[in-house]
Protein backbone atom coordinates (compact mmCIF):
# COMPACT_ATOMS: atom_id res chain seq x y z
CA MET A 1 15.44 10.32 2.39
CA SER A 2 18.09 7.90 3.47
CA ASP A 3 21.46 9.05 3.41
CA ASN A 4 22.75 5.88 1.94
CA ALA A 5 23.69 6.22 -1.87
CA THR A 6 21.52 3.08 -2.41
CA THR A 7 18.72 1.36 -1.95
CA HIS A 8 17.05 -1.79 -3.01
CA PHE A 9 14.67 -2.44 -5.94
CA GLY A 10 13.46 -5.99 -5.58
CA PHE A 11 16.62 -8.04 -5.10
CA ARG A 12 18.36 -5.62 -7.38
CA THR A 13 20.76 -2.81 -5.46
CA VAL A 14 20.40 0.47 -7.42
CA PRO A 15 21.04 4.31 -6.84
CA THR A 16 18.70 5.86 -3.89
CA GLU A 17 17.12 8.47 -6.52
CA ALA A 18 16.51 5.69 -9.06
CA LYS A 19 13.85 3.57 -7.31
CA LYS A 20 11.08 6.25 -7.77
CA GLY A 21 11.44 5.82 -11.41
CA LEU A 22 12.49 2.16 -11.53
CA VAL A 23 8.78 1.49 -9.75
CA ARG A 24 7.22 4.17 -11.59
CA GLU A 25 7.70 2.44 -14.72
CA VAL A 26 6.28 -0.96 -12.86
CA PHE A 27 3.01 0.64 -12.31
CA GLU A 28 3.00 2.61 -15.41
CA SER A 29 3.03 -1.34 -17.14
CA VAL A 30 0.76 -2.85 -15.17
CA ALA A 31 -1.72 -0.19 -14.26
CA PRO A 32 -4.69 -1.57 -16.77
CA ARG A 33 -4.04 -4.65 -15.39
CA TYR A 34 -3.74 -3.77 -11.51
CA ASP A 35 -6.52 -5.76 -10.47
CA LEU A 36 -5.61 -8.66 -12.32
CA MET A 37 -1.88 -8.20 -11.14
CA ASN A 38 -3.55 -8.16 -7.34
CA ASP A 39 -5.35 -11.24 -8.00
CA LEU A 40 -2.72 -13.39 -9.43
CA MET A 41 -0.18 -12.15 -6.21
CA SER A 42 -3.05 -13.38 -3.55
CA LEU A 43 -4.95 -15.75 -5.69
CA GLY A 44 -7.59 -13.27 -5.25
CA ILE A 45 -7.34 -13.15 -1.12
CA HIS A 46 -6.84 -9.98 -1.50
CA ARG A 47 -10.15 -8.93 -1.80
CA VAL A 48 -11.00 -10.31 1.67
CA TRP A 49 -7.88 -8.69 2.97
CA LYS A 50 -9.29 -5.48 1.82
CA ARG A 51 -12.43 -5.96 3.10
CA ILE A 52 -11.35 -6.77 6.86
CA PHE A 53 -8.95 -3.72 6.24
CA VAL A 54 -11.80 -1.36 5.52
CA THR A 55 -13.83 -2.87 8.52
CA THR A 56 -10.78 -2.42 10.57
CA LEU A 57 -10.48 1.53 9.47
CA GLY A 58 -14.51 1.77 10.74
CA PRO A 59 -15.60 4.37 8.01
CA ARG A 60 -17.98 7.11 9.44
CA PRO A 61 -19.99 10.17 7.88
CA SER A 62 -17.65 12.42 9.73
CA MET A 63 -13.79 11.07 8.54
CA ARG A 64 -11.60 12.58 6.38
CA LEU A 65 -9.74 9.56 4.78
CA LEU A 66 -5.99 9.97 3.36
CA ASP A 67 -5.45 6.82 0.98
CA LEU A 68 -2.02 6.59 0.24
CA ALA A 69 -0.56 4.71 -2.85
CA GLY A 70 -4.16 4.64 -3.38
CA GLY A 71 -3.54 3.07 -6.61
CA THR A 72 -7.17 2.22 -9.00
CA GLY A 73 -9.04 3.20 -5.63
CA ASP A 74 -10.05 -0.19 -4.10
CA ILE A 75 -9.51 1.07 -0.46
CA THR A 76 -10.89 4.70 -1.16
CA PHE A 77 -14.02 3.17 -2.48
CA ALA A 78 -14.60 0.61 -0.08
CA ALA A 79 -14.30 3.23 2.67
CA LEU A 80 -16.99 5.33 0.86
CA ASP A 81 -19.31 2.80 0.17
CA ARG A 82 -19.17 1.94 4.07
CA GLY A 83 -19.82 5.53 4.90
CA CYS A 84 -16.54 7.75 5.05
CA GLY A 85 -17.82 11.25 4.88
CA HIS A 86 -14.53 12.45 2.27
CA ALA A 87 -11.67 10.82 0.81
CA VAL A 88 -8.43 11.81 -0.85
CA LEU A 89 -6.70 9.10 -2.87
CA SER A 90 -3.34 9.81 -3.23
CA ASP A 91 -0.80 8.19 -5.35
CA ILE A 92 2.70 8.91 -7.03
CA ASN A 93 1.71 7.51 -10.53
CA PRO A 94 -0.32 9.43 -12.76
CA ALA A 95 -1.40 6.13 -15.12
CA MET A 96 -2.76 4.64 -11.77
CA LEU A 97 -4.60 7.77 -10.73
CA ARG A 98 -6.12 7.83 -14.34
CA VAL A 99 -7.93 4.37 -13.80
CA ALA A 100 -8.86 5.42 -10.69
CA GLU A 101 -10.51 8.50 -12.06
CA GLU A 102 -12.63 6.24 -14.44
CA ARG A 103 -13.79 4.15 -11.74
CA ALA A 104 -14.55 6.78 -9.52
CA VAL A 105 -16.83 8.20 -11.98
CA GLU A 106 -18.67 4.96 -13.17
CA ARG A 107 -19.36 4.43 -9.42
CA GLY A 108 -20.75 8.45 -9.15
CA LEU A 109 -18.36 8.91 -6.68
CA ILE A 110 -16.33 11.51 -7.89
CA GLY A 111 -18.21 14.30 -5.82
CA ARG A 112 -17.23 12.76 -2.29
CA MET A 113 -13.35 12.24 -3.09
CA GLU A 114 -10.76 14.15 -4.62
CA LEU A 115 -7.54 12.82 -6.12
CA LEU A 116 -3.61 14.04 -5.51
CA CYS A 117 -0.66 13.31 -7.36
CA ALA A 118 1.93 13.25 -4.32
CA ASP A 119 5.03 11.82 -3.36
CA ALA A 120 3.82 9.99 0.29
CA GLU A 121 7.43 10.74 1.48
CA ARG A 122 6.29 14.38 0.98
CA LEU A 123 2.99 15.27 1.17
CA PRO A 124 1.53 18.75 0.17
CA LEU A 125 -0.95 18.65 2.86
CA PRO A 126 -1.43 20.21 6.44
CA ASP A 127 -0.46 19.37 9.63
CA ASP A 128 -3.40 17.51 12.05
CA HIS A 129 -6.01 17.19 9.15
CA PHE A 130 -7.12 13.90 8.78
CA ASP A 131 -8.87 11.80 10.55
CA ALA A 132 -7.39 8.20 9.30
CA VAL A 133 -4.24 7.50 7.03
CA THR A 134 -4.34 4.43 4.96
CA ILE A 135 -1.76 2.30 2.70
CA ALA A 136 -2.72 -1.05 1.34
CA PHE A 137 -0.42 -3.12 -0.77
CA GLY A 138 1.83 0.08 -1.04
CA LEU A 139 4.55 1.18 1.65
CA ARG A 140 7.08 -1.74 0.14
CA ASN A 141 7.15 0.12 -2.90
CA CYS A 142 8.21 3.31 -1.41
CA THR A 143 12.18 4.74 -1.39
CA ASP A 144 11.76 5.80 2.15
CA ILE A 145 9.48 3.85 4.28
CA ASP A 146 10.29 5.83 7.36
CA ALA A 147 9.69 8.99 5.71
CA VAL A 148 6.18 7.90 4.89
CA LEU A 149 5.26 6.85 8.06
CA ARG A 150 6.55 10.35 9.27
CA GLU A 151 4.34 12.25 6.95
CA ALA A 152 1.31 10.00 7.92
CA GLN A 153 1.97 10.58 11.74
CA ARG A 154 1.99 14.36 10.85
CA VAL A 155 -0.80 14.85 8.82
CA LEU A 156 -3.16 12.97 11.15
CA ARG A 157 -5.04 14.73 13.54
CA PRO A 158 -4.91 13.95 17.13
CA GLY A 159 -6.79 11.06 17.94
CA GLY A 160 -6.33 9.82 14.42
CA ARG A 161 -5.07 6.22 13.25
CA PHE A 162 -2.69 5.14 10.92
CA LEU A 163 -3.75 1.70 9.18
CA CYS A 164 -1.38 -0.25 6.86
CA LEU A 165 -2.12 -3.67 4.68
CA GLU A 166 0.79 -4.78 3.16
CA PHE A 167 2.26 -8.49 2.10
CA SER A 168 4.15 -9.45 5.06
CA ARG A 169 6.25 -12.41 6.23
CA VAL A 170 4.23 -15.83 6.51
CA THR A 171 4.68 -16.62 10.13
CA VAL A 172 3.42 -20.59 9.49
CA ALA A 173 6.48 -22.57 9.04
CA ALA A 174 4.72 -25.24 7.03
CA LEU A 175 3.55 -22.62 4.71
CA ALA A 176 6.79 -21.10 3.70
CA PRO A 177 8.16 -23.29 1.26
CA VAL A 178 4.48 -23.46 -0.78
CA TYR A 179 4.26 -19.42 -0.95
CA ASP A 180 8.15 -19.13 -1.92
CA ALA A 181 7.53 -21.74 -5.11
CA TYR A 182 4.56 -19.68 -5.95
CA SER A 183 6.35 -16.36 -5.37
CA PHE A 184 9.21 -17.08 -7.20
CA ARG A 185 8.36 -19.72 -10.19
CA VAL A 186 4.70 -19.71 -10.52
CA LEU A 187 3.84 -16.06 -10.24
CA PRO A 188 6.31 -14.96 -12.85
CA PHE A 189 5.02 -17.46 -15.09
CA LEU A 190 1.70 -16.05 -14.61
CA GLY A 191 3.26 -12.63 -15.58
CA ARG A 192 4.41 -13.28 -18.47
CA THR A 193 1.44 -15.21 -19.89
CA VAL A 194 -1.32 -13.62 -18.53
CA ALA A 195 -0.42 -9.93 -17.95
CA LYS A 196 2.35 -9.89 -20.35
CA ASP A 197 5.06 -8.77 -18.24
CA GLU A 198 7.11 -11.17 -16.20
CA GLU A 199 9.43 -8.58 -14.76
CA ALA A 200 7.24 -6.38 -13.33
CA TYR A 201 5.86 -9.45 -11.26
CA ARG A 202 9.19 -10.73 -10.77
CA TYR A 203 9.89 -7.46 -8.73
CA LEU A 204 6.72 -7.45 -6.54
CA ALA A 205 7.87 -10.85 -5.68
CA GLU A 206 11.13 -9.82 -4.72
CA SER A 207 9.84 -6.44 -3.04
CA ILE A 208 7.85 -8.57 -0.52
CA ARG A 209 10.89 -10.00 0.51
CA ARG A 210 12.52 -7.02 1.13
CA PHE A 211 9.57 -5.41 3.09
CA PRO A 212 10.45 -5.18 7.04
CA ARG A 213 8.81 -8.11 8.94
CA GLN A 214 6.54 -7.39 10.98
CA PRO A 215 8.26 -6.71 14.54
CA GLU A 216 10.18 -4.14 12.63
CA LEU A 217 8.13 -2.27 10.83
CA ALA A 218 6.04 -1.98 14.25
CA SER A 219 8.95 -0.53 16.02
CA ARG A 220 9.29 2.08 12.97
CA MET A 221 5.77 3.00 13.32
CA THR A 222 6.76 3.55 17.40
CA ALA A 223 9.50 5.50 16.09
CA ALA A 224 7.60 7.66 13.91
CA LYS A 225 5.73 8.47 17.07
CA LEU A 226 2.66 6.60 16.04
CA GLU A 227 1.32 5.26 19.56
CA ARG A 228 -0.66 2.00 20.49
CA VAL A 229 1.21 0.31 17.66
CA THR A 230 -0.25 -3.61 16.95
CA TRP A 231 -0.50 -5.73 14.17
CA ARG A 232 -2.62 -8.24 13.20
CA ASP A 233 -1.58 -11.31 10.74
CA LEU A 234 -3.43 -12.78 7.63
CA SER A 235 -3.83 -15.68 6.23
CA GLY A 236 -0.59 -17.06 8.06
CA GLY A 237 1.14 -13.88 7.62
CA ILE A 238 0.94 -13.56 4.15
CA ALA A 239 -0.39 -10.23 4.50
CA ALA A 240 -0.43 -8.43 7.44
CA ILE A 241 -2.36 -4.93 9.10
CA HIS A 242 -0.32 -2.54 10.94
CA SER A 243 -2.19 -0.08 13.35
CA GLY A 244 -1.05 3.05 15.18
CA TRP A 245 -2.26 6.00 16.38
CA LYS A 246 -1.30 9.84 16.96
CA LEU A 247 -2.36 10.43 20.46
């Protein structure tokens, strides 16, 4: 945990110890509508990004996957469908895990996966255990990003890979004003009228702007002792896939 007494919650400055509770409230509010939330935030493109992400992961029968901030299970389920041997879906929010469990039962996947309610900054998991660790659209909501990266590196076995899919910083100048207008005008309106929670969507738009730019996140991954760190921009940098290895 950072030594700073304050941190950011969207554009607000809040006590560090308060952020987890505030984020938990947001996701408890949106859990039943989480898939709708992702569709609104990305205009549905998140489904394409997630397919690219899971293809990059390259699931295989021998793979042991830890999916951090796994939410309602999209990445875990896609990895299992693509041949991953076993997965642990971890999230700090019980409301999200309840939705994930219901979806897993419907898909007949519960025997191939485990659900873990845990803080990604302090994982109750052994060292050198997983072949891959993923986190999709969750890292920006963590209070201490560096602690999450260190934990991911710790639980990876040597030769294992960390992958992060996250909203990022637009790299196409012409796209930036359109994206800003959508984020700060259209998205809160849709949150209010469609999902009935304007403030949650306003926070999520703000949290994207507070997230590290692609080169900064890559540097922080390197500082966490991940190696061969790279990133791939998606849709002009609206999202990016970051990759690093434990070697």
